[in-house]
C-alpha atoms as a PDB file:
ATOM      1  CA  UNK A   1       0.839 -14.139  -7.630  1.00  0.00           C
ATOM      2  CA  UNK A   2      -1.544 -12.764  -4.982  1.00  0.00           C
ATOM      3  CA  UNK A   3      -0.901  -9.273  -3.589  1.00  0.00           C
ATOM      4  CA  UNK A   4      -2.245  -7.422  -0.571  1.00  0.00           C
ATOM      5  CA  UNK A   5      -1.883  -3.651  -0.757  1.00  0.00           C
ATOM      6  CA  UNK A   6      -2.241  -1.535   2.367  1.00  0.00           C
ATOM      7  CA  UNK A   7      -1.082   1.791   3.788  1.00  0.00           C
ATOM      8  CA  UNK A   8      -1.766   4.255   6.567  1.00  0.00           C
ATOM      9  CA  UNK A   9      -2.264   1.580   9.194  1.00  0.00           C
ATOM     10  CA  UNK A  10      -1.406   3.969  12.056  1.00  0.00           C
ATOM     11  CA  UNK A  11      -1.149   1.147  14.627  1.00  0.00           C
ATOM     12  CA  UNK A  12      -1.529   1.651  17.608  1.00  0.00           C
ATOM     13  CA  UNK A  13      -2.728   5.271  17.284  1.00  0.00           C
ATOM     14  CA  UNK A  14      -5.864   4.601  15.185  1.00  0.00           C
ATOM     15  CA  UNK A  15      -6.346   0.920  16.077  1.00  0.00           C
ATOM     16  CA  UNK A  16      -4.761  -1.585  18.417  1.00  0.00           C
ATOM     17  CA  UNK A  17      -4.124  -3.990  15.547  1.00  0.00           C
ATOM     18  CA  UNK A  18      -5.015  -4.614  11.934  1.00  0.00           C
ATOM     19  CA  UNK A  19      -8.510  -5.967  11.277  1.00  0.00           C
ATOM     20  CA  UNK A  20      -8.736  -9.773  11.232  1.00  0.00           C
ATOM     21  CA  UNK A  21      -9.984  -9.721   7.618  1.00  0.00           C
ATOM     22  CA  UNK A  22      -6.774  -7.965   6.571  1.00  0.00           C
ATOM     23  CA  UNK A  23      -4.590 -10.366   8.578  1.00  0.00           C
ATOM     24  CA  UNK A  24      -6.317 -13.289   6.825  1.00  0.00           C
ATOM     25  CA  UNK A  25      -5.613 -11.706   3.443  1.00  0.00           C
ATOM     26  CA  UNK A  26      -1.972 -11.149   4.438  1.00  0.00           C
ATOM     27  CA  UNK A  27      -1.643 -14.788   5.463  1.00  0.00           C
ATOM     28  CA  UNK A  28      -2.983 -15.887   2.047  1.00  0.00           C
ATOM     29  CA  UNK A  29      -0.903 -13.455  -0.042  1.00  0.00           C
ATOM     30  CA  UNK A  30       2.353 -14.076  -1.822  1.00  0.00           C
ATOM     31  CA  UNK A  31       3.432 -10.430  -1.428  1.00  0.00           C
ATOM     32  CA  UNK A  32       2.294  -7.613   0.869  1.00  0.00           C
ATOM     33  CA  UNK A  33       2.882  -4.018  -0.252  1.00  0.00           C
ATOM     34  CA  UNK A  34       2.679  -1.384   2.524  1.00  0.00           C
ATOM     35  CA  UNK A  35       2.855   2.274   1.478  1.00  0.00           C
ATOM     36  CA  UNK A  36       3.865   3.768   4.819  1.00  0.00           C
ATOM     37  CA  UNK A  37       2.528   5.355   7.985  1.00  0.00           C
ATOM     38  CA  UNK A  38       3.045   2.273  10.131  1.00  0.00           C
ATOM     39  CA  UNK A  39       3.603   4.503  13.214  1.00  0.00           C
ATOM     40  CA  UNK A  40       5.009   1.703  15.413  1.00  0.00           C
ATOM     41  CA  UNK A  41       7.846  -0.678  14.599  1.00  0.00           C
ATOM     42  CA  UNK A  42       5.916  -3.532  16.260  1.00  0.00           C
ATOM     43  CA  UNK A  43       3.567  -3.692  13.268  1.00  0.00           C
ATOM     44  CA  UNK A  44       6.523  -3.905  10.871  1.00  0.00           C
ATOM     45  CA  UNK A  45       7.912  -6.785  12.946  1.00  0.00           C
ATOM     46  CA  UNK A  46       4.530  -8.562  12.949  1.00  0.00           C
ATOM     47  CA  UNK A  47       4.121  -8.179   9.187  1.00  0.00           C
ATOM     48  CA  UNK A  48       7.648  -9.424   8.564  1.00  0.00           C
ATOM     49  CA  UNK A  49       6.856 -12.532  10.595  1.00  0.00           C
ATOM     50  CA  UNK A  50       3.542 -13.266   8.853  1.00  0.00           C
ATOM     51  CA  UNK A  51       3.983 -12.125   5.260  1.00  0.00           C
ATOM     52  CA  UNK A  52       5.668 -14.451   2.784  1.00  0.00           C
ATOM     53  CA  UNK A  53       7.261 -11.352   1.264  1.00  0.00           C
ATOM     54  CA  UNK A  54       6.904  -7.775   2.477  1.00  0.00           C
ATOM     55  CA  UNK A  55       7.708  -4.643   0.492  1.00  0.00           C
ATOM     56  CA  UNK A  56       7.274  -1.492   2.549  1.00  0.00           C
ATOM     57  CA  UNK A  57       8.269   2.153   2.782  1.00  0.00           C
ATOM     58  CA  UNK A  58       8.132   4.747   5.525  1.00  0.00           C
ATOM     59  CA  UNK A  59       5.573   7.533   5.680  1.00  0.00           C
ATOM     60  CA  UNK A  60       5.455  11.020   7.119  1.00  0.00           C
ATOM     61  CA  UNK A  61       4.201   9.717  10.502  1.00  0.00           C
ATOM     62  CA  UNK A  62       6.994   7.155  10.853  1.00  0.00           C
ATOM     63  CA  UNK A  63       9.833   7.934  13.229  1.00  0.00           C
ATOM     64  CA  UNK A  64      13.574   7.277  13.113  1.00  0.00           C
ATOM     65  CA  UNK A  65      13.392   3.557  13.944  1.00  0.00           C
ATOM     66  CA  UNK A  66      11.062   2.822  11.021  1.00  0.00           C
ATOM     67  CA  UNK A  67      13.005   5.146   8.709  1.00  0.00           C
ATOM     68  CA  UNK A  68      16.194   3.263   9.562  1.00  0.00           C
ATOM     69  CA  UNK A  69      14.620  -0.015   8.443  1.00  0.00           C
ATOM     70  CA  UNK A  70      12.513   1.082   5.463  1.00  0.00           C
ATOM     71  CA  UNK A  71      13.252   3.083   2.312  1.00  0.00           C
ATOM     72  CA  UNK A  72      11.375   6.172   1.165  1.00  0.00           C
ATOM     73  CA  UNK A  73      10.755   4.465  -2.189  1.00  0.00           C
ATOM     74  CA  UNK A  74      10.864   0.725  -2.859  1.00  0.00           C
ATOM     75  CA  UNK A  75      11.187  -0.726  -6.350  1.00  0.00           C
ATOM     76  CA  UNK A  76      10.652  -4.417  -7.007  1.00  0.00           C
ATOM     77  CA  UNK A  77      10.032  -6.787  -9.868  1.00  0.00           C
ATOM     78  CA  UNK A  78       7.115  -9.098  -9.150  1.00  0.00           C
ATOM     79  CA  UNK A  79       7.084 -11.848 -11.761  1.00  0.00           C
ATOM     80  CA  UNK A  80       7.853  -9.294 -14.476  1.00  0.00           C
ATOM     81  CA  UNK A  81       5.610  -6.501 -13.119  1.00  0.00           C
ATOM     82  CA  UNK A  82       7.753  -3.457 -12.307  1.00  0.00           C
ATOM     83  CA  UNK A  83       6.426  -1.947  -9.074  1.00  0.00           C
ATOM     84  CA  UNK A  84       7.284   1.164  -7.071  1.00  0.00           C
ATOM     85  CA  UNK A  85       5.931   1.880  -3.596  1.00  0.00           C
ATOM     86  CA  UNK A  86       6.016   5.357  -2.018  1.00  0.00           C
ATOM     87  CA  UNK A  87       4.000   7.090   0.681  1.00  0.00           C
ATOM     88  CA  UNK A  88       3.315  10.549  -0.753  1.00  0.00           C
ATOM     89  CA  UNK A  89       2.651  11.659  -4.327  1.00  0.00           C
ATOM     90  CA  UNK A  90       1.425  15.196  -3.670  1.00  0.00           C
ATOM     91  CA  UNK A  91      -1.978  16.669  -4.480  1.00  0.00           C
ATOM     92  CA  UNK A  92      -4.491  14.767  -6.602  1.00  0.00           C
ATOM     93  CA  UNK A  93      -4.451  17.475  -9.300  1.00  0.00           C
ATOM     94  CA  UNK A  94      -2.048  16.340 -12.067  1.00  0.00           C
ATOM     95  CA  UNK A  95      -1.012  13.305  -9.982  1.00  0.00           C
ATOM     96  CA  UNK A  96      -0.913  11.008 -13.009  1.00  0.00           C
ATOM     97  CA  UNK A  97       1.393  13.330 -14.966  1.00  0.00           C
ATOM     98  CA  UNK A  98       3.775  13.838 -12.018  1.00  0.00           C
ATOM     99  CA  UNK A  99       3.918  10.130 -11.259  1.00  0.00           C
ATOM    100  CA  UNK A 100       4.431   9.180 -14.895  1.00  0.00           C
ATOM    101  CA  UNK A 101       7.440  11.516 -14.977  1.00  0.00           C
ATOM    102  CA  UNK A 102       8.882  10.153 -11.719  1.00  0.00           C
ATOM    103  CA  UNK A 103       8.004   6.452 -12.133  1.00  0.00           C
ATOM    104  CA  UNK A 104       7.638   6.033 -15.870  1.00  0.00           C
ATOM    105  CA  UNK A 105       9.935   3.007 -15.824  1.00  0.00           C
ATOM    106  CA  UNK A 106       7.353   1.123 -13.709  1.00  0.00           C
ATOM    107  CA  UNK A 107       4.088  -0.624 -14.486  1.00  0.00           C
ATOM    108  CA  UNK A 108       2.502  -0.003 -11.077  1.00  0.00           C
ATOM    109  CA  UNK A 109       2.865   2.699  -8.430  1.00  0.00           C
ATOM    110  CA  UNK A 110       1.411   2.015  -4.981  1.00  0.00           C
ATOM    111  CA  UNK A 111       1.035   5.045  -2.715  1.00  0.00           C
ATOM    112  CA  UNK A 112      -0.722   6.117   0.460  1.00  0.00           C
ATOM    113  CA  UNK A 113      -0.978   9.245   2.615  1.00  0.00           C
ATOM    114  CA  UNK A 114      -4.456  10.503   1.656  1.00  0.00           C
ATOM    115  CA  UNK A 115      -6.437   7.552   3.125  1.00  0.00           C
ATOM    116  CA  UNK A 116      -8.524   7.820  -0.067  1.00  0.00           C
ATOM    117  CA  UNK A 117      -8.700   4.777  -2.369  1.00  0.00           C
ATOM    118  CA  UNK A 118      -7.373   5.601  -5.827  1.00  0.00           C
ATOM    119  CA  UNK A 119      -7.134   3.625  -9.061  1.00  0.00           C
ATOM    120  CA  UNK A 120      -6.074   5.395 -12.242  1.00  0.00           C
ATOM    121  CA  UNK A 121      -3.779   5.076 -15.228  1.00  0.00           C
ATOM    122  CA  UNK A 122      -1.188   7.729 -16.084  1.00  0.00           C
ATOM    123  CA  UNK A 123      -0.019   8.724 -19.554  1.00  0.00           C
ATOM    124  CA  UNK A 124       2.235   5.939 -20.774  1.00  0.00           C
ATOM    125  CA  UNK A 125       0.286   3.246 -18.926  1.00  0.00           C
ATOM    126  CA  UNK A 126       1.526   3.541 -15.313  1.00  0.00           C
ATOM    127  CA  UNK A 127      -1.212   2.229 -13.003  1.00  0.00           C
ATOM    128  CA  UNK A 128      -1.617   4.140  -9.726  1.00  0.00           C
ATOM    129  CA  UNK A 129      -3.188   2.452  -6.702  1.00  0.00           C
ATOM    130  CA  UNK A 130      -3.900   3.779  -3.232  1.00  0.00           C
ATOM    131  CA  UNK A 131      -5.542   1.252  -0.895  1.00  0.00           C
ATOM    132  CA  UNK A 132      -6.994   3.821   1.491  1.00  0.00           C
ATOM    133  CA  UNK A 133      -6.574   2.918   5.163  1.00  0.00           C
ATOM    134  CA  UNK A 134      -7.737  -0.203   7.017  1.00  0.00           C
ATOM    135  CA  UNK A 135      -7.830   1.619  10.361  1.00  0.00           C
ATOM    136  CA  UNK A 136      -8.511   5.332   9.757  1.00  0.00           C
ATOM    137  CA  UNK A 137     -11.159   5.995   7.129  1.00  0.00           C
ATOM    138  CA  UNK A 138     -11.190   9.765   7.775  1.00  0.00           C
ATOM    139  CA  UNK A 139     -13.939  11.159   5.527  1.00  0.00           C
ATOM    140  CA  UNK A 140     -14.338   7.931   3.550  1.00  0.00           C
ATOM    141  CA  UNK A 141     -17.423   5.751   4.082  1.00  0.00           C
ATOM    142  CA  UNK A 142     -15.315   2.652   4.816  1.00  0.00           C
ATOM    143  CA  UNK A 143     -11.867   1.587   5.957  1.00  0.00           C
ATOM    144  CA  UNK A 144     -10.260  -0.266   3.046  1.00  0.00           C
ATOM    145  CA  UNK A 145      -7.383  -2.272   1.585  1.00  0.00           C
ATOM    146  CA  UNK A 146      -6.704  -3.799  -1.830  1.00  0.00           C
ATOM    147  CA  UNK A 147      -5.935  -7.220  -3.197  1.00  0.00           C
ATOM    148  CA  UNK A 148      -4.576  -7.801  -6.679  1.00  0.00           C
ATOM    149  CA  UNK A 149      -3.155 -10.492  -8.891  1.00  0.00           C
ATOM    150  CA  UNK A 150      -0.050 -10.554 -11.044  1.00  0.00           C
ATOM    151  CA  UNK A 151      -0.445 -12.821 -14.057  1.00  0.00           C
ATOM    152  CA  UNK A 152       2.258 -13.246 -16.712  1.00  0.00           C
ATOM    153  CA  UNK A 153       3.997  -9.997 -15.748  1.00  0.00           C
ATOM    154  CA  UNK A 154       0.787  -7.942 -15.803  1.00  0.00           C
ATOM    155  CA  UNK A 155      -1.474  -6.584 -13.115  1.00  0.00           C
ATOM    156  CA  UNK A 156      -4.651  -8.636 -13.176  1.00  0.00           C
ATOM    157  CA  UNK A 157      -7.792  -8.192 -11.124  1.00  0.00           C
ATOM    158  CA  UNK A 158      -7.667  -5.464  -8.473  1.00  0.00           C
ATOM    159  CA  UNK A 159     -10.293  -5.510  -5.730  1.00  0.00           C
ATOM    160  CA  UNK A 160     -11.041  -2.857  -3.114  1.00  0.00           C
ATOM    161  CA  UNK A 161     -12.134  -4.444   0.169  1.00  0.00           C
ATOM    162  CA  UNK A 162     -14.396  -2.561   2.552  1.00  0.00           C
ATOM    163  CA  UNK A 163     -13.897  -3.356   6.204  1.00  0.00           C
ATOM    164  CA  UNK A 164     -16.682  -3.504   8.772  1.00  0.00           C
ATOM    165  CA  UNK A 165     -17.108  -0.422  10.909  1.00  0.00           C
ATOM    166  CA  UNK A 166     -15.287  -0.783  14.217  1.00  0.00           C
ATOM    167  CA  UNK A 167     -17.387  -0.568  17.332  1.00  0.00           C
END
C-alpha cells in the first residue's frame, strides 16, 4: 500500500495550489494522510476528488467549515497498520513520551503544525512522522512531503521528498 503524507498546506494563503510533484504522488497513492492546516475547504474537496482514500484532520488554522467535516484526531487501520493522525503534538521536548502515552495503541502517528520534518520512534515502538510543509517551508531549507509503504501490516520505506523552490 502506497501512502502520501502531507500537512500544513495552507492553500491559498501560502500557495495557490499544491505543487505538481505532490499532486502526482497523490494520484499514484492508495491512501493520502493530511495532518491539518488546510486553510480552505476547496483543497479538501479537491483532495477528496483525486485521492483514492483520504484520511485528514483539522489544524489550528482551519475554520468552522473544515472543523465540521474533519475530526481533530483520525484513527484508521491500513492493512493491519494502526495509524493516528493529529495536527498538534506540543513541543518537541519529550514529544515521544507524550505521544506514546496518548497513542500507544497505534503503530504510527502522523502529525503536523511545526512545518519541520520529523521521524522518530517512541518508547514502545510508536513511529512518529511529520512531513513538514509542501508550501510553507518557514526556516527549513526545503518544502517537503513524505511517501511511505505499508507491507504486511508494517510501515516499510519512508521517504522525505524535497520540493523545488517556488519562484
